Structure formats: C-alpha cells, structure tokens
Amino acid sequence: MSYQIGNRIVLREYRMEDLAAIRQWTNDSDISGTVGDVFIYPQTLHQTESFLRRMVEGTTDAKGFIISEKDTLAYIGQIDLNRIDWRNRVALLGIVIGRKDLLGQGYGREAIGLIKTFVFETLNLNRLELDVYANNERAVRCYLSCGFREEGRLRQRVYKNGTYHDDIKMSILRSEYEAETLANT
C-alpha cells in the first residue's frame, strides 16, 4: 500500500520500530479500554511483537496503516481495515490514537478522511463499518462528523468498570461518501 498523505499526517506502513510507541498504549486502560475486549488482560511484549510482525510481514487478513506525523513520520496511532469482504465490498474499520497528548486534536478525523478515500476510491469497496462503545462519546462524535451513521445498538452489550454500555454499529456507504465529496467541492 502506498502512503496516504494528509494535511498534518501520513498514513504509512507498520514498522518494527513502532513497537515502543504501540507498547505505550496497549496496557494503558484509558486508551486500550476503548478499543475492544482484546485488552482485558495485560498485553505481553510477545503479544505486541507478534501483532506487529504480522502487520509488517503482511501475514494477517487485516490491512492497515500507522497514523504518523507528516514531517517526521513519528507514530500517532493506527488505522486498520479488518475482515475485508471482497465479494460484498465491505471492511470493518479499527482506529486508535495511541498518544494521550494528541487526543481530541482532530488526528483521528483526518485519518478517517484519508482511509475513506482509500477504501472507496482505491479499493472500490461499497461499505465501511465499525463498532464503538456508546460511552466513548469522543469517538461517537468523531464518527458522526466523518459521515458515519448509526445503524443499531446492541443494548448493554459491553461491561466496563461495573457498568453495562451499548455497542453501537455504524457505517458509511460509497454513495454517502460520494455525496459528501461532491458537497465539499
């Protein structure tokens, strides 16, 4: 995959040098607690290295990018396409901003904009979908502002810190992306 270049970021390939940056957030519950149940237990160095090696070597079905600073290519986060269904033209989006100092500054929004262009114009997919915990209000606002629509909720599907939360299903279709792109020109 080629680099996807934005105003402040570049979506680039995974590199083994990203290990230290990824390790900084994988066991930080403020960040890892928002991205799924895979992080319920502490992540070992071996688990993180194994994931990173599969991404670098391309030996996983997931395809993705490191979200990096435009000038230095330093790690900000990750944005991945999981469960790509080529027959039905669908992918599942996963994203994390792994640096607390950069949360809430629009890096996720910019990365999603770049990945939407890649998904709909380069990969020729028809649908990009995601799951988000309802209590992750910052992410929900971000996805809505990026054109995703709520399709449904799995009520009280997620148990976090003694409380049940809804799991929200969201998506954006190619036709919605095209209408959004046309409106912004």
C-alpha atoms as a PDB file:
ATOM      1  CA  MET A   1       0.000   0.000   0.000  1.00  0.00           C
ATOM      2  CA  SER A   2       1.217   3.440  -0.769  1.00  0.00           C
ATOM      3  CA  TYR A   3       1.371   6.304   1.703  1.00  0.00           C
ATOM      4  CA  GLN A   4      -1.792   8.336   2.148  1.00  0.00           C
ATOM      5  CA  ILE A   5      -0.790  11.959   2.735  1.00  0.00           C
ATOM      6  CA  GLY A   6      -2.969  14.448   4.577  1.00  0.00           C
ATOM      7  CA  ASN A   7      -2.543  17.994   5.870  1.00  0.00           C
ATOM      8  CA  ARG A   8      -0.877  17.061   9.177  1.00  0.00           C
ATOM      9  CA  ILE A   9      -0.485  13.296   8.950  1.00  0.00           C
ATOM     10  CA  VAL A  10       0.714  10.482   6.744  1.00  0.00           C
ATOM     11  CA  LEU A  11      -0.787   7.015   6.782  1.00  0.00           C
ATOM     12  CA  ARG A  12       2.287   4.825   6.345  1.00  0.00           C
ATOM     13  CA  GLU A  13       3.296   1.183   6.696  1.00  0.00           C
ATOM     14  CA  TYR A  14       3.820  -0.564  10.004  1.00  0.00           C
ATOM     15  CA  ARG A  15       7.481  -0.807  11.048  1.00  0.00           C
ATOM     16  CA  MET A  16       9.158  -2.833  13.776  1.00  0.00           C
ATOM     17  CA  GLU A  17      10.441   0.496  15.151  1.00  0.00           C
ATOM     18  CA  ASP A  18       6.805   1.283  16.109  1.00  0.00           C
ATOM     19  CA  LEU A  19       6.941  -1.325  18.875  1.00  0.00           C
ATOM     20  CA  ALA A  20       7.830   1.080  21.696  1.00  0.00           C
ATOM     21  CA  ALA A  21       5.057   3.523  20.728  1.00  0.00           C
ATOM     22  CA  ILE A  22       2.473   0.743  20.481  1.00  0.00           C
ATOM     23  CA  ARG A  23       3.572  -0.670  23.833  1.00  0.00           C
ATOM     24  CA  GLN A  24       2.951   2.727  25.466  1.00  0.00           C
ATOM     25  CA  TRP A  25      -0.814   2.468  24.996  1.00  0.00           C
ATOM     26  CA  THR A  26      -1.600  -1.254  24.908  1.00  0.00           C
ATOM     27  CA  ASN A  27      -1.611  -1.549  28.691  1.00  0.00           C
ATOM     28  CA  ASP A  28      -2.952   1.948  29.379  1.00  0.00           C
ATOM     29  CA  SER A  29      -6.628   1.355  30.141  1.00  0.00           C
ATOM     30  CA  ASP A  30      -7.519   4.978  29.312  1.00  0.00           C
ATOM     31  CA  ILE A  31      -6.752   4.149  25.678  1.00  0.00           C
ATOM     32  CA  SER A  32      -6.910   0.365  25.372  1.00  0.00           C
ATOM     33  CA  GLY A  33     -10.204   0.233  27.262  1.00  0.00           C
ATOM     34  CA  THR A  34     -11.939   1.991  24.380  1.00  0.00           C
ATOM     35  CA  VAL A  35     -10.845  -0.326  21.570  1.00  0.00           C
ATOM     36  CA  GLY A  36     -12.184  -3.747  22.471  1.00  0.00           C
ATOM     37  CA  ASP A  37     -12.093  -6.752  24.697  1.00  0.00           C
ATOM     38  CA  VAL A  38      -8.728  -7.970  23.426  1.00  0.00           C
ATOM     39  CA  PHE A  39      -7.172  -5.686  26.038  1.00  0.00           C
ATOM     40  CA  ILE A  40      -8.985  -7.055  29.113  1.00  0.00           C
ATOM     41  CA  TYR A  41      -5.782  -8.784  30.215  1.00  0.00           C
ATOM     42  CA  PRO A  42      -2.354  -7.156  30.175  1.00  0.00           C
ATOM     43  CA  GLN A  43      -0.690  -7.418  26.797  1.00  0.00           C
ATOM     44  CA  THR A  44       2.718  -9.037  26.904  1.00  0.00           C
ATOM     45  CA  LEU A  45       5.660  -7.800  24.919  1.00  0.00           C
ATOM     46  CA  HIS A  46       5.474 -11.049  22.940  1.00  0.00           C
ATOM     47  CA  GLN A  47       1.808 -10.424  22.018  1.00  0.00           C
ATOM     48  CA  THR A  48       2.558  -6.903  20.815  1.00  0.00           C
ATOM     49  CA  GLU A  49       5.643  -8.008  18.883  1.00  0.00           C
ATOM     50  CA  SER A  50       3.682 -10.854  17.302  1.00  0.00           C
ATOM     51  CA  PHE A  51       0.899  -8.500  16.167  1.00  0.00           C
ATOM     52  CA  LEU A  52       3.397  -6.001  14.801  1.00  0.00           C
ATOM     53  CA  ARG A  53       5.395  -8.681  12.996  1.00  0.00           C
ATOM     54  CA  ARG A  54       2.227  -9.989  11.285  1.00  0.00           C
ATOM     55  CA  MET A  55       1.339  -6.467  10.148  1.00  0.00           C
ATOM     56  CA  VAL A  56       4.884  -5.786   8.895  1.00  0.00           C
ATOM     57  CA  GLU A  57       5.101  -9.131   7.098  1.00  0.00           C
ATOM     58  CA  GLY A  58       1.550  -8.943   5.738  1.00  0.00           C
ATOM     59  CA  THR A  59       0.675 -12.361   7.150  1.00  0.00           C
ATOM     60  CA  THR A  60      -2.694 -11.304   8.547  1.00  0.00           C
ATOM     61  CA  ASP A  61      -6.008 -10.634   6.881  1.00  0.00           C
ATOM     62  CA  ALA A  62      -6.051  -7.157   8.444  1.00  0.00           C
ATOM     63  CA  LYS A  63      -4.567  -4.385   6.347  1.00  0.00           C
ATOM     64  CA  GLY A  64      -3.652  -1.085   7.839  1.00  0.00           C
ATOM     65  CA  PHE A  65      -1.567   1.949   8.358  1.00  0.00           C
ATOM     66  CA  ILE A  66       0.303   3.749  11.071  1.00  0.00           C
ATOM     67  CA  ILE A  67      -1.029   7.267  11.585  1.00  0.00           C
ATOM     68  CA  SER A  68       2.140   9.354  11.698  1.00  0.00           C
ATOM     69  CA  GLU A  69       3.234  12.963  11.910  1.00  0.00           C
ATOM     70  CA  LYS A  70       3.673  14.373   8.419  1.00  0.00           C
ATOM     71  CA  ASP A  71       7.113  15.893   8.945  1.00  0.00           C
ATOM     72  CA  THR A  72       8.788  13.152  10.991  1.00  0.00           C
ATOM     73  CA  LEU A  73       6.632  10.053  10.310  1.00  0.00           C
ATOM     74  CA  ALA A  74       6.587   9.572  14.114  1.00  0.00           C
ATOM     75  CA  TYR A  75       3.864   7.307  15.481  1.00  0.00           C
ATOM     76  CA  ILE A  76       0.490   8.817  16.458  1.00  0.00           C
ATOM     77  CA  GLY A  77      -1.772   5.774  16.184  1.00  0.00           C
ATOM     78  CA  GLN A  78      -3.103   3.050  13.928  1.00  0.00           C
ATOM     79  CA  ILE A  79      -5.958   2.682  11.466  1.00  0.00           C
ATOM     80  CA  ASP A  80      -6.774  -0.758  10.144  1.00  0.00           C
ATOM     81  CA  LEU A  81      -9.214  -2.493   7.836  1.00  0.00           C
ATOM     82  CA  ASN A  82     -10.322  -5.800   9.308  1.00  0.00           C
ATOM     83  CA  ARG A  83     -12.459  -8.560   7.885  1.00  0.00           C
ATOM     84  CA  ILE A  84     -12.323  -7.231   4.331  1.00  0.00           C
ATOM     85  CA  ASP A  85     -15.110  -8.964   2.436  1.00  0.00           C
ATOM     86  CA  TRP A  86     -14.148  -8.619  -1.242  1.00  0.00           C
ATOM     87  CA  ARG A  87     -17.275 -10.340  -2.527  1.00  0.00           C
ATOM     88  CA  ASN A  88     -19.659  -7.966  -0.738  1.00  0.00           C
ATOM     89  CA  ARG A  89     -17.219  -5.000  -0.832  1.00  0.00           C
ATOM     90  CA  VAL A  90     -17.209  -4.348   2.943  1.00  0.00           C
ATOM     91  CA  ALA A  91     -14.495  -3.664   5.527  1.00  0.00           C
ATOM     92  CA  LEU A  92     -14.508  -3.174   9.285  1.00  0.00           C
ATOM     93  CA  LEU A  93     -12.642  -0.079  10.483  1.00  0.00           C
ATOM     94  CA  GLY A  94     -10.479  -0.028  13.594  1.00  0.00           C
ATOM     95  CA  ILE A  95      -8.627   3.073  14.784  1.00  0.00           C
ATOM     96  CA  VAL A  96      -6.686   4.168  17.844  1.00  0.00           C
ATOM     97  CA  ILE A  97      -4.831   7.350  18.672  1.00  0.00           C
ATOM     98  CA  GLY A  98      -2.124   5.897  20.887  1.00  0.00           C
ATOM     99  CA  ARG A  99      -0.678   9.127  22.246  1.00  0.00           C
ATOM    100  CA  LYS A 100      -2.665  10.775  25.029  1.00  0.00           C
ATOM    101  CA  ASP A 101      -1.102  14.169  24.302  1.00  0.00           C
ATOM    102  CA  LEU A 102      -2.695  14.112  20.823  1.00  0.00           C
ATOM    103  CA  LEU A 103      -6.226  13.003  21.748  1.00  0.00           C
ATOM    104  CA  GLY A 104      -9.017  15.383  20.750  1.00  0.00           C
ATOM    105  CA  GLN A 105      -6.908  17.293  18.235  1.00  0.00           C
ATOM    106  CA  GLY A 106      -8.508  16.008  15.013  1.00  0.00           C
ATOM    107  CA  TYR A 107      -5.894  13.426  14.064  1.00  0.00           C
ATOM    108  CA  GLY A 108      -8.455  10.634  14.075  1.00  0.00           C
ATOM    109  CA  ARG A 109     -10.834  12.671  11.933  1.00  0.00           C
ATOM    110  CA  GLU A 110      -8.084  13.364   9.414  1.00  0.00           C
ATOM    111  CA  ALA A 111      -7.012   9.708   9.345  1.00  0.00           C
ATOM    112  CA  ILE A 112     -10.608   8.585   8.790  1.00  0.00           C
ATOM    113  CA  GLY A 113     -10.926  11.040   5.914  1.00  0.00           C
ATOM    114  CA  LEU A 114      -7.845   9.547   4.273  1.00  0.00           C
ATOM    115  CA  ILE A 115      -8.943   5.960   4.855  1.00  0.00           C
ATOM    116  CA  LYS A 116     -12.410   6.669   3.415  1.00  0.00           C
ATOM    117  CA  THR A 117     -10.797   7.923   0.199  1.00  0.00           C
ATOM    118  CA  PHE A 118      -8.585   4.835   0.115  1.00  0.00           C
ATOM    119  CA  VAL A 119     -11.477   2.455   0.815  1.00  0.00           C
ATOM    120  CA  PHE A 120     -13.921   3.902  -1.707  1.00  0.00           C
ATOM    121  CA  GLU A 121     -11.626   5.163  -4.451  1.00  0.00           C
ATOM    122  CA  THR A 122      -8.654   2.772  -4.368  1.00  0.00           C
ATOM    123  CA  LEU A 123     -10.108  -0.473  -3.015  1.00  0.00           C
ATOM    124  CA  ASN A 124     -13.505   0.132  -4.638  1.00  0.00           C
ATOM    125  CA  LEU A 125     -15.414  -1.048  -1.575  1.00  0.00           C
ATOM    126  CA  ASN A 126     -19.064  -0.132  -1.023  1.00  0.00           C
ATOM    127  CA  ARG A 127     -19.326  -0.077   2.761  1.00  0.00           C
ATOM    128  CA  LEU A 128     -17.074   0.825   5.686  1.00  0.00           C
ATOM    129  CA  GLU A 129     -18.408  -0.193   9.087  1.00  0.00           C
ATOM    130  CA  LEU A 130     -17.337  -0.043  12.714  1.00  0.00           C
ATOM    131  CA  ASP A 131     -18.339  -0.799  16.276  1.00  0.00           C
ATOM    132  CA  VAL A 132     -17.995   1.770  19.036  1.00  0.00           C
ATOM    133  CA  TYR A 133     -18.877   1.704  22.726  1.00  0.00           C
ATOM    134  CA  ALA A 134     -21.637   4.206  23.493  1.00  0.00           C
ATOM    135  CA  ASN A 135     -19.691   5.560  26.479  1.00  0.00           C
ATOM    136  CA  ASN A 136     -16.815   6.549  24.135  1.00  0.00           C
ATOM    137  CA  GLU A 137     -18.542   9.832  23.359  1.00  0.00           C
ATOM    138  CA  ARG A 138     -15.496  11.453  21.738  1.00  0.00           C
ATOM    139  CA  ALA A 139     -15.279   8.608  19.199  1.00  0.00           C
ATOM    140  CA  VAL A 140     -19.023   8.630  18.509  1.00  0.00           C
ATOM    141  CA  ARG A 141     -18.908  12.389  17.787  1.00  0.00           C
ATOM    142  CA  CYS A 142     -15.870  11.887  15.558  1.00  0.00           C
ATOM    143  CA  TYR A 143     -17.513   9.111  13.518  1.00  0.00           C
ATOM    144  CA  LEU A 144     -20.720  11.098  13.082  1.00  0.00           C
ATOM    145  CA  SER A 145     -18.749  14.135  11.909  1.00  0.00           C
ATOM    146  CA  CYS A 146     -16.928  11.863   9.427  1.00  0.00           C
ATOM    147  CA  GLY A 147     -20.211  10.834   7.810  1.00  0.00           C
ATOM    148  CA  PHE A 148     -20.869   7.543   9.583  1.00  0.00           C
ATOM    149  CA  ARG A 149     -24.447   6.770  10.522  1.00  0.00           C
ATOM    150  CA  GLU A 150     -25.715   4.804  13.457  1.00  0.00           C
ATOM    151  CA  GLU A 151     -27.393   1.625  12.235  1.00  0.00           C
ATOM    152  CA  GLY A 152     -28.223  -0.002  15.503  1.00  0.00           C
ATOM    153  CA  ARG A 153     -27.281  -0.759  19.065  1.00  0.00           C
ATOM    154  CA  LEU A 154     -26.610  -3.892  20.958  1.00  0.00           C
ATOM    155  CA  ARG A 155     -28.083  -2.797  24.254  1.00  0.00           C
ATOM    156  CA  GLN A 156     -25.920  -3.330  27.333  1.00  0.00           C
ATOM    157  CA  ARG A 157     -23.551  -5.487  25.252  1.00  0.00           C
ATOM    158  CA  VAL A 158     -20.350  -4.206  26.897  1.00  0.00           C
ATOM    159  CA  TYR A 159     -19.428  -4.473  30.567  1.00  0.00           C
ATOM    160  CA  LYS A 160     -16.783  -1.959  31.654  1.00  0.00           C
ATOM    161  CA  ASN A 161     -15.862  -0.896  35.169  1.00  0.00           C
ATOM    162  CA  GLY A 162     -19.015  -2.200  36.797  1.00  0.00           C
ATOM    163  CA  THR A 163     -21.426  -0.735  34.244  1.00  0.00           C
ATOM    164  CA  TYR A 164     -23.096  -2.027  31.090  1.00  0.00           C
ATOM    165  CA  HIS A 165     -22.861   0.039  27.903  1.00  0.00           C
ATOM    166  CA  ASP A 166     -24.384  -0.205  24.441  1.00  0.00           C
ATOM    167  CA  ASP A 167     -22.290  -1.282  21.461  1.00  0.00           C
ATOM    168  CA  ILE A 168     -23.159   0.994  18.539  1.00  0.00           C
ATOM    169  CA  LYS A 169     -22.982  -0.255  14.945  1.00  0.00           C
ATOM    170  CA  MET A 170     -22.105   2.470  12.441  1.00  0.00           C
ATOM    171  CA  SER A 171     -21.302   2.617   8.750  1.00  0.00           C
ATOM    172  CA  ILE A 172     -20.791   4.833   5.742  1.00  0.00           C
ATOM    173  CA  LEU A 173     -21.692   3.762   2.221  1.00  0.00           C
ATOM    174  CA  ARG A 174     -19.917   4.666  -1.003  1.00  0.00           C
ATOM    175  CA  SER A 175     -22.945   6.702  -2.136  1.00  0.00           C
ATOM    176  CA  GLU A 176     -22.824   8.741   1.093  1.00  0.00           C
ATOM    177  CA  TYR A 177     -19.074   9.278   0.692  1.00  0.00           C
ATOM    178  CA  GLU A 178     -19.576  10.417  -2.912  1.00  0.00           C
ATOM    179  CA  ALA A 179     -22.383  12.832  -1.921  1.00  0.00           C
ATOM    180  CA  GLU A 180     -20.194  14.213   0.880  1.00  0.00           C
ATOM    181  CA  THR A 181     -17.237  14.621  -1.505  1.00  0.00           C
ATOM    182  CA  LEU A 182     -19.425  16.350  -4.108  1.00  0.00           C
ATOM    183  CA  ALA A 183     -20.853  18.732  -1.469  1.00  0.00           C
ATOM    184  CA  ASN A 184     -17.318  19.706  -0.370  1.00  0.00           C
ATOM    185  CA  THR A 185     -16.123  20.659  -3.871  1.00  0.00           C
END
